[in-house]
């Protein structure tokens, strides 16, 4: 079911290059869907970045409270990190073109993440 949700999201947004479902408590990317064959080191770096910008559940790395969504832009790329509503260590990591319809993407990605995280 996770792969199907990632496939669906990626196919709906032309600017979406990589989607990854991560568990911040273990600092691991669990499932990916990507145009590029990203090496494990790149996936580990993506997860580490999610941990920094979002923090682990109840332990924000930046700021005073847990963030639900964070954005990092560099080199014409936008990286989006989203925390699941009911499982705060479950995160969707997205590498997108800076031209992506971010509002549309977030509107579709939030329920997909809740579905993936909740397993149903």
PDB file of N, CA and C in Angstrom:
ATOM      1  N   UNK A   1       0.809  -1.181   0.000  1.00  0.00           N
ATOM      2  CA  UNK A   1       0.000   0.000   0.000  1.00  0.00           C
ATOM      3  C   UNK A   1       0.866   1.264   0.000  1.00  0.00           C
ATOM      4  N   UNK A   2       1.995   1.251   0.673  1.00  0.00           N
ATOM      5  CA  UNK A   2       2.876   2.422   0.714  1.00  0.00           C
ATOM      6  C   UNK A   2       3.360   2.756  -0.684  1.00  0.00           C
ATOM      7  N   UNK A   3       3.836   1.763  -1.404  1.00  0.00           N
ATOM      8  CA  UNK A   3       4.331   1.999  -2.764  1.00  0.00           C
ATOM      9  C   UNK A   3       3.239   2.543  -3.675  1.00  0.00           C
ATOM     10  N   UNK A   4       2.030   2.034  -3.534  1.00  0.00           N
ATOM     11  CA  UNK A   4       0.927   2.499  -4.370  1.00  0.00           C
ATOM     12  C   UNK A   4       0.638   3.972  -4.101  1.00  0.00           C
ATOM     13  N   UNK A   5       0.646   4.387  -2.842  1.00  0.00           N
ATOM     14  CA  UNK A   5       0.401   5.791  -2.502  1.00  0.00           C
ATOM     15  C   UNK A   5       1.523   6.681  -3.045  1.00  0.00           C
ATOM     16  N   UNK A   6       2.766   6.234  -2.891  1.00  0.00           N
ATOM     17  CA  UNK A   6       3.887   7.024  -3.411  1.00  0.00           C
ATOM     18  C   UNK A   6       3.822   7.107  -4.933  1.00  0.00           C
ATOM     19  N   UNK A   7       3.488   6.003  -5.594  1.00  0.00           N
ATOM     20  CA  UNK A   7       3.343   5.994  -7.057  1.00  0.00           C
ATOM     21  C   UNK A   7       2.250   6.969  -7.497  1.00  0.00           C
ATOM     22  N   UNK A   8       1.124   6.930  -6.807  1.00  0.00           N
ATOM     23  CA  UNK A   8      -0.003   7.799  -7.154  1.00  0.00           C
ATOM     24  C   UNK A   8       0.392   9.270  -7.025  1.00  0.00           C
ATOM     25  N   UNK A   9       0.997   9.616  -5.905  1.00  0.00           N
ATOM     26  CA  UNK A   9       1.418  11.006  -5.678  1.00  0.00           C
ATOM     27  C   UNK A   9       2.414  11.459  -6.733  1.00  0.00           C
ATOM     28  N   UNK A  10       3.408  10.628  -6.974  1.00  0.00           N
ATOM     29  CA  UNK A  10       4.468  10.995  -7.915  1.00  0.00           C
ATOM     30  C   UNK A  10       3.912  11.174  -9.320  1.00  0.00           C
ATOM     31  N   UNK A  11       2.979  10.337  -9.719  1.00  0.00           N
ATOM     32  CA  UNK A  11       2.420  10.433 -11.070  1.00  0.00           C
ATOM     33  C   UNK A  11       1.534  11.665 -11.234  1.00  0.00           C
ATOM     34  N   UNK A  12       0.988  12.195 -10.159  1.00  0.00           N
ATOM     35  CA  UNK A  12       0.113  13.364 -10.238  1.00  0.00           C
ATOM     36  C   UNK A  12       0.872  14.682 -10.320  1.00  0.00           C
ATOM     37  N   UNK A  13       2.138  14.696  -9.937  1.00  0.00           N
ATOM     38  CA  UNK A  13       2.892  15.943  -9.875  1.00  0.00           C
ATOM     39  C   UNK A  13       4.194  15.801 -10.654  1.00  0.00           C
ATOM     40  N   UNK A  14       4.213  16.428 -11.834  1.00  0.00           N
ATOM     41  CA  UNK A  14       5.359  16.317 -12.735  1.00  0.00           C
ATOM     42  C   UNK A  14       6.656  16.790 -12.088  1.00  0.00           C
ATOM     43  N   UNK A  15       6.600  17.727 -11.167  1.00  0.00           N
ATOM     44  CA  UNK A  15       7.811  18.243 -10.531  1.00  0.00           C
ATOM     45  C   UNK A  15       8.324  17.389  -9.394  1.00  0.00           C
ATOM     46  N   UNK A  16       7.628  16.313  -9.085  1.00  0.00           N
ATOM     47  CA  UNK A  16       8.034  15.445  -7.978  1.00  0.00           C
ATOM     48  C   UNK A  16       9.080  14.449  -8.471  1.00  0.00           C
ATOM     49  N   UNK A  17      10.293  14.568  -7.962  1.00  0.00           N
ATOM     50  CA  UNK A  17      11.399  13.715  -8.406  1.00  0.00           C
ATOM     51  C   UNK A  17      11.611  12.502  -7.509  1.00  0.00           C
ATOM     52  N   UNK A  18      11.490  12.702  -6.205  1.00  0.00           N
ATOM     53  CA  UNK A  18      11.701  11.614  -5.241  1.00  0.00           C
ATOM     54  C   UNK A  18      10.729  11.750  -4.089  1.00  0.00           C
ATOM     55  N   UNK A  19      10.125  10.642  -3.700  1.00  0.00           N
ATOM     56  CA  UNK A  19       9.307  10.561  -2.497  1.00  0.00           C
ATOM     57  C   UNK A  19       9.889   9.466  -1.629  1.00  0.00           C
ATOM     58  N   UNK A  20       9.968   9.741  -0.349  1.00  0.00           N
ATOM     59  CA  UNK A  20      10.494   8.737   0.575  1.00  0.00           C
ATOM     60  C   UNK A  20       9.680   8.779   1.858  1.00  0.00           C
ATOM     61  N   UNK A  21       9.350   7.612   2.371  1.00  0.00           N
ATOM     62  CA  UNK A  21       8.661   7.477   3.647  1.00  0.00           C
ATOM     63  C   UNK A  21       9.718   7.089   4.675  1.00  0.00           C
ATOM     64  N   UNK A  22       9.820   7.895   5.740  1.00  0.00           N
ATOM     65  CA  UNK A  22      10.891   7.698   6.724  1.00  0.00           C
ATOM     66  C   UNK A  22      10.340   7.560   8.128  1.00  0.00           C
ATOM     67  N   UNK A  23      11.122   6.918   8.973  1.00  0.00           N
ATOM     68  CA  UNK A  23      10.847   6.809  10.407  1.00  0.00           C
ATOM     69  C   UNK A  23      11.965   7.552  11.129  1.00  0.00           C
ATOM     70  N   UNK A  24      11.628   8.714  11.700  1.00  0.00           N
ATOM     71  CA  UNK A  24      12.657   9.526  12.353  1.00  0.00           C
ATOM     72  C   UNK A  24      13.162   8.896  13.643  1.00  0.00           C
ATOM     73  N   UNK A  25      12.370   8.029  14.275  1.00  0.00           N
ATOM     74  CA  UNK A  25      12.837   7.402  15.517  1.00  0.00           C
ATOM     75  C   UNK A  25      14.016   6.470  15.255  1.00  0.00           C
ATOM     76  N   UNK A  26      14.065   5.895  14.053  1.00  0.00           N
ATOM     77  CA  UNK A  26      15.178   5.013  13.688  1.00  0.00           C
ATOM     78  C   UNK A  26      16.137   5.689  12.714  1.00  0.00           C
ATOM     79  N   UNK A  27      15.752   6.896  12.259  1.00  0.00           N
ATOM     80  CA  UNK A  27      16.527   7.657  11.272  1.00  0.00           C
ATOM     81  C   UNK A  27      16.731   6.852   9.994  1.00  0.00           C
ATOM     82  N   UNK A  28      15.643   6.209   9.535  1.00  0.00           N
ATOM     83  CA  UNK A  28      15.728   5.360   8.342  1.00  0.00           C
ATOM     84  C   UNK A  28      14.656   5.713   7.327  1.00  0.00           C
ATOM     85  N   UNK A  29      15.054   5.729   6.059  1.00  0.00           N
ATOM     86  CA  UNK A  29      14.104   5.786   4.953  1.00  0.00           C
ATOM     87  C   UNK A  29      13.607   4.354   4.762  1.00  0.00           C
ATOM     88  N   UNK A  30      12.292   4.168   4.780  1.00  0.00           N
ATOM     89  CA  UNK A  30      11.723   2.828   4.697  1.00  0.00           C
ATOM     90  C   UNK A  30      11.341   2.435   3.267  1.00  0.00           C
ATOM     91  N   UNK A  31      10.785   3.395   2.506  1.00  0.00           N
ATOM     92  CA  UNK A  31      10.331   3.122   1.143  1.00  0.00           C
ATOM     93  C   UNK A  31      10.583   4.362   0.295  1.00  0.00           C
ATOM     94  N   UNK A  32      11.007   4.169  -0.953  1.00  0.00           N
ATOM     95  CA  UNK A  32      11.228   5.311  -1.850  1.00  0.00           C
ATOM     96  C   UNK A  32      10.577   5.067  -3.207  1.00  0.00           C
ATOM     97  N   UNK A  33      10.330   6.173  -3.873  1.00  0.00           N
ATOM     98  CA  UNK A  33       9.929   6.180  -5.275  1.00  0.00           C
ATOM     99  C   UNK A  33      10.683   7.352  -5.882  1.00  0.00           C
ATOM    100  N   UNK A  34      11.563   7.069  -6.819  1.00  0.00           N
ATOM    101  CA  UNK A  34      12.435   8.119  -7.326  1.00  0.00           C
ATOM    102  C   UNK A  34      12.730   7.955  -8.805  1.00  0.00           C
ATOM    103  N   UNK A  35      12.897   9.102  -9.495  1.00  0.00           N
ATOM    104  CA  UNK A  35      13.343   9.088 -10.887  1.00  0.00           C
ATOM    105  C   UNK A  35      14.821   8.703 -10.959  1.00  0.00           C
ATOM    106  N   UNK A  36      15.554   9.028  -9.904  1.00  0.00           N
ATOM    107  CA  UNK A  36      16.994   8.757  -9.855  1.00  0.00           C
ATOM    108  C   UNK A  36      17.256   7.531  -8.995  1.00  0.00           C
ATOM    109  N   UNK A  37      18.324   6.852  -9.296  1.00  0.00           N
ATOM    110  CA  UNK A  37      18.736   5.729  -8.465  1.00  0.00           C
ATOM    111  C   UNK A  37      19.616   6.285  -7.350  1.00  0.00           C
ATOM    112  N   UNK A  38      18.967   6.768  -6.284  1.00  0.00           N
ATOM    113  CA  UNK A  38      19.713   7.399  -5.198  1.00  0.00           C
ATOM    114  C   UNK A  38      20.452   6.359  -4.370  1.00  0.00           C
ATOM    115  N   UNK A  39      21.732   6.585  -4.121  1.00  0.00           N
ATOM    116  CA  UNK A  39      22.476   5.658  -3.266  1.00  0.00           C
ATOM    117  C   UNK A  39      22.003   5.780  -1.821  1.00  0.00           C
ATOM    118  N   UNK A  40      22.258   4.770  -1.043  1.00  0.00           N
ATOM    119  CA  UNK A  40      21.860   4.732   0.365  1.00  0.00           C
ATOM    120  C   UNK A  40      22.353   5.980   1.099  1.00  0.00           C
ATOM    121  N   UNK A  41      23.545   6.444   0.785  1.00  0.00           N
ATOM    122  CA  UNK A  41      24.109   7.625   1.456  1.00  0.00           C
ATOM    123  C   UNK A  41      23.236   8.858   1.218  1.00  0.00           C
ATOM    124  N   UNK A  42      22.713   9.011   0.010  1.00  0.00           N
ATOM    125  CA  UNK A  42      21.842  10.152  -0.301  1.00  0.00           C
ATOM    126  C   UNK A  42      20.526  10.045   0.461  1.00  0.00           C
ATOM    127  N   UNK A  43      19.993   8.831   0.572  1.00  0.00           N
ATOM    128  CA  UNK A  43      18.765   8.633   1.340  1.00  0.00           C
ATOM    129  C   UNK A  43      19.001   8.882   2.828  1.00  0.00           C
ATOM    130  N   UNK A  44      20.147   8.432   3.329  1.00  0.00           N
ATOM    131  CA  UNK A  44      20.482   8.696   4.735  1.00  0.00           C
ATOM    132  C   UNK A  44      20.591  10.200   4.992  1.00  0.00           C
ATOM    133  N   UNK A  45      21.178  10.914   4.043  1.00  0.00           N
ATOM    134  CA  UNK A  45      21.319  12.365   4.173  1.00  0.00           C
ATOM    135  C   UNK A  45      19.944  13.045   4.165  1.00  0.00           C
ATOM    136  N   UNK A  46      19.042  12.567   3.307  1.00  0.00           N
ATOM    137  CA  UNK A  46      17.687  13.112   3.255  1.00  0.00           C
ATOM    138  C   UNK A  46      16.966  12.905   4.584  1.00  0.00           C
ATOM    139  N   UNK A  47      17.100  11.727   5.151  1.00  0.00           N
ATOM    140  CA  UNK A  47      16.481  11.436   6.439  1.00  0.00           C
ATOM    141  C   UNK A  47      17.102  12.281   7.550  1.00  0.00           C
ATOM    142  N   UNK A  48      18.413  12.446   7.512  1.00  0.00           N
ATOM    143  CA  UNK A  48      19.093  13.278   8.510  1.00  0.00           C
ATOM    144  C   UNK A  48      18.609  14.723   8.419  1.00  0.00           C
ATOM    145  N   UNK A  49      18.409  15.199   7.189  1.00  0.00           N
ATOM    146  CA  UNK A  49      17.903  16.553   7.019  1.00  0.00           C
ATOM    147  C   UNK A  49      16.492  16.675   7.597  1.00  0.00           C
ATOM    148  N   UNK A  50      15.656  15.672   7.380  1.00  0.00           N
ATOM    149  CA  UNK A  50      14.305  15.670   7.957  1.00  0.00           C
ATOM    150  C   UNK A  50      14.365  15.724   9.476  1.00  0.00           C
ATOM    151  N   UNK A  51      15.286  14.981  10.052  1.00  0.00           N
ATOM    152  CA  UNK A  51      15.434  14.966  11.509  1.00  0.00           C
ATOM    153  C   UNK A  51      15.841  16.336  12.033  1.00  0.00           C
ATOM    154  N   UNK A  52      16.701  17.018  11.294  1.00  0.00           N
ATOM    155  CA  UNK A  52      17.143  18.356  11.714  1.00  0.00           C
ATOM    156  C   UNK A  52      16.013  19.367  11.593  1.00  0.00           C
ATOM    157  N   UNK A  53      15.335  19.404  10.455  1.00  0.00           N
ATOM    158  CA  UNK A  53      14.331  20.451  10.243  1.00  0.00           C
ATOM    159  C   UNK A  53      13.025  20.190  10.975  1.00  0.00           C
ATOM    160  N   UNK A  54      12.681  18.923  11.192  1.00  0.00           N
ATOM    161  CA  UNK A  54      11.445  18.617  11.908  1.00  0.00           C
ATOM    162  C   UNK A  54      11.683  18.242  13.366  1.00  0.00           C
ATOM    163  N   UNK A  55      12.822  17.624  13.648  1.00  0.00           N
ATOM    164  CA  UNK A  55      13.079  17.096  14.982  1.00  0.00           C
ATOM    165  C   UNK A  55      12.331  15.790  15.175  1.00  0.00           C
ATOM    166  N   UNK A  56      12.763  15.033  16.154  1.00  0.00           N
ATOM    167  CA  UNK A  56      12.042  13.811  16.498  1.00  0.00           C
ATOM    168  C   UNK A  56      10.805  14.196  17.291  1.00  0.00           C
ATOM    169  N   UNK A  57       9.883  13.286  17.430  1.00  0.00           N
ATOM    170  CA  UNK A  57       8.644  13.547  18.150  1.00  0.00           C
ATOM    171  C   UNK A  57       8.928  14.096  19.544  1.00  0.00           C
ATOM    172  N   UNK A  58       8.433  15.299  19.804  1.00  0.00           N
ATOM    173  CA  UNK A  58       8.601  15.912  21.123  1.00  0.00           C
ATOM    174  C   UNK A  58       9.969  16.507  21.373  1.00  0.00           C
ATOM    175  N   UNK A  59      10.870  16.420  20.405  1.00  0.00           N
ATOM    176  CA  UNK A  59      12.228  16.945  20.560  1.00  0.00           C
ATOM    177  C   UNK A  59      12.620  17.744  19.324  1.00  0.00           C
ATOM    178  N   UNK A  60      12.061  18.960  19.186  1.00  0.00           N
ATOM    179  CA  UNK A  60      12.387  19.740  17.989  1.00  0.00           C
ATOM    180  C   UNK A  60      13.864  20.090  17.930  1.00  0.00           C
ATOM    181  N   UNK A  61      14.418  20.030  16.741  1.00  0.00           N
ATOM    182  CA  UNK A  61      15.822  20.418  16.547  1.00  0.00           C
ATOM    183  C   UNK A  61      15.949  21.914  16.371  1.00  0.00           C
ATOM    184  N   UNK A  62      14.948  22.503  15.723  1.00  0.00           N
ATOM    185  CA  UNK A  62      14.934  23.941  15.471  1.00  0.00           C
ATOM    186  C   UNK A  62      13.655  24.505  16.085  1.00  0.00           C
ATOM    187  N   UNK A  63      13.749  25.586  16.801  1.00  0.00           N
ATOM    188  CA  UNK A  63      12.560  26.200  17.383  1.00  0.00           C
ATOM    189  C   UNK A  63      12.138  25.536  18.679  1.00  0.00           C
ATOM    190  N   UNK A  64      10.949  25.939  19.132  1.00  0.00           N
ATOM    191  CA  UNK A  64      10.459  25.479  20.437  1.00  0.00           C
ATOM    192  C   UNK A  64       9.422  24.369  20.354  1.00  0.00           C
ATOM    193  N   UNK A  65       8.821  24.172  19.194  1.00  0.00           N
ATOM    194  CA  UNK A  65       7.763  23.173  19.057  1.00  0.00           C
ATOM    195  C   UNK A  65       8.013  22.309  17.830  1.00  0.00           C
ATOM    196  N   UNK A  66       7.354  21.170  17.812  1.00  0.00           N
ATOM    197  CA  UNK A  66       7.434  20.290  16.647  1.00  0.00           C
ATOM    198  C   UNK A  66       6.856  20.989  15.425  1.00  0.00           C
ATOM    199  N   UNK A  67       7.506  20.866  14.298  1.00  0.00           N
ATOM    200  CA  UNK A  67       6.978  21.381  13.042  1.00  0.00           C
ATOM    201  C   UNK A  67       6.238  20.258  12.332  1.00  0.00           C
ATOM    202  N   UNK A  68       5.156  20.599  11.643  1.00  0.00           N
ATOM    203  CA  UNK A  68       4.419  19.608  10.868  1.00  0.00           C
ATOM    204  C   UNK A  68       4.954  19.514   9.441  1.00  0.00           C
ATOM    205  N   UNK A  69       5.456  20.639   8.934  1.00  0.00           N
ATOM    206  CA  UNK A  69       5.969  20.702   7.573  1.00  0.00           C
ATOM    207  C   UNK A  69       7.188  21.619   7.554  1.00  0.00           C
ATOM    208  N   UNK A  70       8.179  21.250   6.763  1.00  0.00           N
ATOM    209  CA  UNK A  70       9.360  22.099   6.603  1.00  0.00           C
ATOM    210  C   UNK A  70       9.772  22.065   5.142  1.00  0.00           C
ATOM    211  N   UNK A  71      10.362  23.181   4.692  1.00  0.00           N
ATOM    212  CA  UNK A  71      10.817  23.324   3.311  1.00  0.00           C
ATOM    213  C   UNK A  71      12.276  23.734   3.316  1.00  0.00           C
ATOM    214  N   UNK A  72      13.046  23.163   2.398  1.00  0.00           N
ATOM    215  CA  UNK A  72      14.433  23.558   2.200  1.00  0.00           C
ATOM    216  C   UNK A  72      14.616  23.719   0.693  1.00  0.00           C
ATOM    217  N   UNK A  73      15.096  24.884   0.293  1.00  0.00           N
ATOM    218  CA  UNK A  73      15.295  25.162  -1.121  1.00  0.00           C
ATOM    219  C   UNK A  73      16.769  25.412  -1.392  1.00  0.00           C
ATOM    220  N   UNK A  74      17.292  24.735  -2.412  1.00  0.00           N
ATOM    221  CA  UNK A  74      18.679  24.962  -2.828  1.00  0.00           C
ATOM    222  C   UNK A  74      18.879  24.373  -4.214  1.00  0.00           C
ATOM    223  N   UNK A  75      19.703  25.043  -4.998  1.00  0.00           N
ATOM    224  CA  UNK A  75      20.079  24.527  -6.313  1.00  0.00           C
ATOM    225  C   UNK A  75      18.916  24.213  -7.227  1.00  0.00           C
ATOM    226  N   UNK A  76      17.848  25.017  -7.207  1.00  0.00           N
ATOM    227  CA  UNK A  76      16.705  24.763  -8.078  1.00  0.00           C
ATOM    228  C   UNK A  76      15.823  23.622  -7.615  1.00  0.00           C
ATOM    229  N   UNK A  77      16.095  23.111  -6.448  1.00  0.00           N
ATOM    230  CA  UNK A  77      15.350  22.002  -5.883  1.00  0.00           C
ATOM    231  C   UNK A  77      14.615  22.467  -4.634  1.00  0.00           C
ATOM    232  N   UNK A  78      13.472  21.854  -4.379  1.00  0.00           N
ATOM    233  CA  UNK A  78      12.734  22.092  -3.155  1.00  0.00           C
ATOM    234  C   UNK A  78      12.580  20.755  -2.451  1.00  0.00           C
ATOM    235  N   UNK A  79      13.008  20.707  -1.205  1.00  0.00           N
ATOM    236  CA  UNK A  79      12.814  19.505  -0.404  1.00  0.00           C
ATOM    237  C   UNK A  79      11.721  19.823   0.620  1.00  0.00           C
ATOM    238  N   UNK A  80      10.715  18.958   0.652  1.00  0.00           N
ATOM    239  CA  UNK A  80       9.571  19.135   1.529  1.00  0.00           C
ATOM    240  C   UNK A  80       9.541  17.963   2.497  1.00  0.00           C
ATOM    241  N   UNK A  81       9.367  18.283   3.764  1.00  0.00           N
ATOM    242  CA  UNK A  81       9.309  17.261   4.809  1.00  0.00           C
ATOM    243  C   UNK A  81       7.991  17.438   5.545  1.00  0.00           C
ATOM    244  N   UNK A  82       7.210  16.361   5.659  1.00  0.00           N
ATOM    245  CA  UNK A  82       5.896  16.399   6.288  1.00  0.00           C
ATOM    246  C   UNK A  82       5.778  15.328   7.352  1.00  0.00           C
ATOM    247  N   UNK A  83       5.304  15.719   8.517  1.00  0.00           N
ATOM    248  CA  UNK A  83       5.111  14.801   9.634  1.00  0.00           C
ATOM    249  C   UNK A  83       3.685  14.255   9.605  1.00  0.00           C
ATOM    250  N   UNK A  84       3.509  12.956   9.864  1.00  0.00           N
ATOM    251  CA  UNK A  84       2.179  12.343   9.928  1.00  0.00           C
ATOM    252  C   UNK A  84       1.439  12.848  11.168  1.00  0.00           C
ATOM    253  N   UNK A  85       0.132  13.061  11.048  1.00  0.00           N
ATOM    254  CA  UNK A  85      -0.611  13.624  12.176  1.00  0.00           C
ATOM    255  C   UNK A  85      -0.693  12.711  13.404  1.00  0.00           C
ATOM    256  N   UNK A  86      -0.830  11.418  13.199  1.00  0.00           N
ATOM    257  CA  UNK A  86      -1.021  10.506  14.333  1.00  0.00           C
ATOM    258  C   UNK A  86       0.226   9.747  14.743  1.00  0.00           C
ATOM    259  N   UNK A  87       1.246   9.764  13.911  1.00  0.00           N
ATOM    260  CA  UNK A  87       2.523   9.096  14.197  1.00  0.00           C
ATOM    261  C   UNK A  87       3.633  10.096  13.911  1.00  0.00           C
ATOM    262  N   UNK A  88       3.980  10.954  14.881  1.00  0.00           N
ATOM    263  CA  UNK A  88       4.883  12.074  14.614  1.00  0.00           C
ATOM    264  C   UNK A  88       6.287  11.710  14.125  1.00  0.00           C
ATOM    265  N   UNK A  89       6.707  10.466  14.273  1.00  0.00           N
ATOM    266  CA  UNK A  89       8.016  10.074  13.746  1.00  0.00           C
ATOM    267  C   UNK A  89       7.934   9.556  12.318  1.00  0.00           C
ATOM    268  N   UNK A  90       6.721   9.412  11.782  1.00  0.00           N
ATOM    269  CA  UNK A  90       6.534   9.027  10.383  1.00  0.00           C
ATOM    270  C   UNK A  90       6.547  10.286   9.537  1.00  0.00           C
ATOM    271  N   UNK A  91       7.409  10.302   8.530  1.00  0.00           N
ATOM    272  CA  UNK A  91       7.623  11.511   7.737  1.00  0.00           C
ATOM    273  C   UNK A  91       7.666  11.176   6.250  1.00  0.00           C
ATOM    274  N   UNK A  92       7.099  12.066   5.460  1.00  0.00           N
ATOM    275  CA  UNK A  92       7.229  11.991   4.013  1.00  0.00           C
ATOM    276  C   UNK A  92       8.280  13.007   3.598  1.00  0.00           C
ATOM    277  N   UNK A  93       9.293  12.543   2.901  1.00  0.00           N
ATOM    278  CA  UNK A  93      10.374  13.396   2.406  1.00  0.00           C
ATOM    279  C   UNK A  93      10.218  13.476   0.890  1.00  0.00           C
ATOM    280  N   UNK A  94      10.199  14.687   0.362  1.00  0.00           N
ATOM    281  CA  UNK A  94       9.971  14.879  -1.060  1.00  0.00           C
ATOM    282  C   UNK A  94      11.056  15.764  -1.646  1.00  0.00           C
ATOM    283  N   UNK A  95      11.616  15.340  -2.755  1.00  0.00           N
ATOM    284  CA  UNK A  95      12.531  16.182  -3.516  1.00  0.00           C
ATOM    285  C   UNK A  95      11.770  16.562  -4.781  1.00  0.00           C
ATOM    286  N   UNK A  96      11.584  17.869  -4.965  1.00  0.00           N
ATOM    287  CA  UNK A  96      10.754  18.376  -6.049  1.00  0.00           C
ATOM    288  C   UNK A  96      11.487  19.452  -6.835  1.00  0.00           C
ATOM    289  N   UNK A  97      11.023  19.674  -8.045  1.00  0.00           N
ATOM    290  CA  UNK A  97      11.460  20.838  -8.799  1.00  0.00           C
ATOM    291  C   UNK A  97      10.864  22.063  -8.121  1.00  0.00           C
ATOM    292  N   UNK A  98      11.570  23.172  -8.170  1.00  0.00           N
ATOM    293  CA  UNK A  98      11.072  24.379  -7.510  1.00  0.00           C
ATOM    294  C   UNK A  98       9.785  24.895  -8.151  1.00  0.00           C
ATOM    295  N   UNK A  99       9.459  24.420  -9.330  1.00  0.00           N
ATOM    296  CA  UNK A  99       8.252  24.859 -10.039  1.00  0.00           C
ATOM    297  C   UNK A  99       7.005  24.051  -9.673  1.00  0.00           C
ATOM    298  N   UNK A 100       7.110  23.076  -8.786  1.00  0.00           N
ATOM    299  CA  UNK A 100       5.967  22.227  -8.436  1.00  0.00           C
ATOM    300  C   UNK A 100       4.835  23.070  -7.855  1.00  0.00           C
ATOM    301  N   UNK A 101       3.606  22.662  -8.088  1.00  0.00           N
ATOM    302  CA  UNK A 101       2.429  23.275  -7.471  1.00  0.00           C
ATOM    303  C   UNK A 101       2.418  22.816  -6.015  1.00  0.00           C
ATOM    304  N   UNK A 102       3.085  23.593  -5.164  1.00  0.00           N
ATOM    305  CA  UNK A 102       3.282  23.162  -3.775  1.00  0.00           C
ATOM    306  C   UNK A 102       1.970  23.061  -3.019  1.00  0.00           C
ATOM    307  N   UNK A 103       1.044  23.989  -3.234  1.00  0.00           N
ATOM    308  CA  UNK A 103      -0.241  23.931  -2.533  1.00  0.00           C
ATOM    309  C   UNK A 103      -1.011  22.670  -2.920  1.00  0.00           C
ATOM    310  N   UNK A 104      -1.053  22.370  -4.207  1.00  0.00           N
ATOM    311  CA  UNK A 104      -1.726  21.160  -4.669  1.00  0.00           C
ATOM    312  C   UNK A 104      -1.040  19.906  -4.162  1.00  0.00           C
ATOM    313  N   UNK A 105       0.287  19.927  -4.208  1.00  0.00           N
ATOM    314  CA  UNK A 105       1.046  18.773  -3.732  1.00  0.00           C
ATOM    315  C   UNK A 105       0.760  18.511  -2.256  1.00  0.00           C
ATOM    316  N   UNK A 106       0.829  19.549  -1.428  1.00  0.00           N
ATOM    317  CA  UNK A 106       0.577  19.381   0.006  1.00  0.00           C
ATOM    318  C   UNK A 106      -0.839  18.900   0.268  1.00  0.00           C
ATOM    319  N   UNK A 107      -1.805  19.426  -0.480  1.00  0.00           N
ATOM    320  CA  UNK A 107      -3.198  19.017  -0.297  1.00  0.00           C
ATOM    321  C   UNK A 107      -3.380  17.528  -0.575  1.00  0.00           C
ATOM    322  N   UNK A 108      -2.656  16.984  -1.548  1.00  0.00           N
ATOM    323  CA  UNK A 108      -2.744  15.552  -1.846  1.00  0.00           C
ATOM    324  C   UNK A 108      -1.831  14.709  -0.957  1.00  0.00           C
ATOM    325  N   UNK A 109      -0.675  15.261  -0.605  1.00  0.00           N
ATOM    326  CA  UNK A 109       0.312  14.483   0.152  1.00  0.00           C
ATOM    327  C   UNK A 109      -0.105  14.258   1.604  1.00  0.00           C
ATOM    328  N   UNK A 110      -0.757  15.231   2.222  1.00  0.00           N
ATOM    329  CA  UNK A 110      -1.142  15.072   3.645  1.00  0.00           C
ATOM    330  C   UNK A 110      -2.042  13.858   3.876  1.00  0.00           C
ATOM    331  N   UNK A 111      -3.141  13.707   3.124  1.00  0.00           N
ATOM    332  CA  UNK A 111      -3.964  12.507   3.340  1.00  0.00           C
ATOM    333  C   UNK A 111      -3.242  11.218   2.954  1.00  0.00           C
ATOM    334  N   UNK A 112      -2.376  11.296   1.947  1.00  0.00           N
ATOM    335  CA  UNK A 112      -1.603  10.101   1.565  1.00  0.00           C
ATOM    336  C   UNK A 112      -0.684   9.671   2.704  1.00  0.00           C
ATOM    337  N   UNK A 113      -0.021  10.643   3.327  1.00  0.00           N
ATOM    338  CA  UNK A 113       0.866  10.330   4.453  1.00  0.00           C
ATOM    339  C   UNK A 113       0.076   9.749   5.611  1.00  0.00           C
ATOM    340  N   UNK A 114      -1.096  10.321   5.899  1.00  0.00           N
ATOM    341  CA  UNK A 114      -1.932   9.781   6.978  1.00  0.00           C
ATOM    342  C   UNK A 114      -2.328   8.344   6.673  1.00  0.00           C
ATOM    343  N   UNK A 115      -2.661   8.062   5.413  1.00  0.00           N
ATOM    344  CA  UNK A 115      -3.017   6.709   4.994  1.00  0.00           C
ATOM    345  C   UNK A 115      -1.838   5.749   5.161  1.00  0.00           C
ATOM    346  N   UNK A 116      -0.677   6.162   4.666  1.00  0.00           N
ATOM    347  CA  UNK A 116       0.525   5.327   4.764  1.00  0.00           C
ATOM    348  C   UNK A 116       0.892   5.074   6.219  1.00  0.00           C
ATOM    349  N   UNK A 117       0.901   6.109   7.008  1.00  0.00           N
ATOM    350  CA  UNK A 117       1.317   6.015   8.409  1.00  0.00           C
ATOM    351  C   UNK A 117       0.339   5.184   9.236  1.00  0.00           C
ATOM    352  N   UNK A 118      -0.946   5.353   8.949  1.00  0.00           N
ATOM    353  CA  UNK A 118      -1.967   4.622   9.706  1.00  0.00           C
ATOM    354  C   UNK A 118      -2.139   3.199   9.223  1.00  0.00           C
ATOM    355  N   UNK A 119      -1.584   2.900   8.046  1.00  0.00           N
ATOM    356  CA  UNK A 119      -1.663   1.542   7.523  1.00  0.00           C
ATOM    357  C   UNK A 119      -3.020   1.178   6.975  1.00  0.00           C
ATOM    358  N   UNK A 120      -3.908   2.144   6.858  1.00  0.00           N
ATOM    359  CA  UNK A 120      -5.227   1.798   6.376  1.00  0.00           C
ATOM    360  C   UNK A 120      -5.726   2.757   5.458  1.00  0.00           C
TER     361      UNK A 120
END
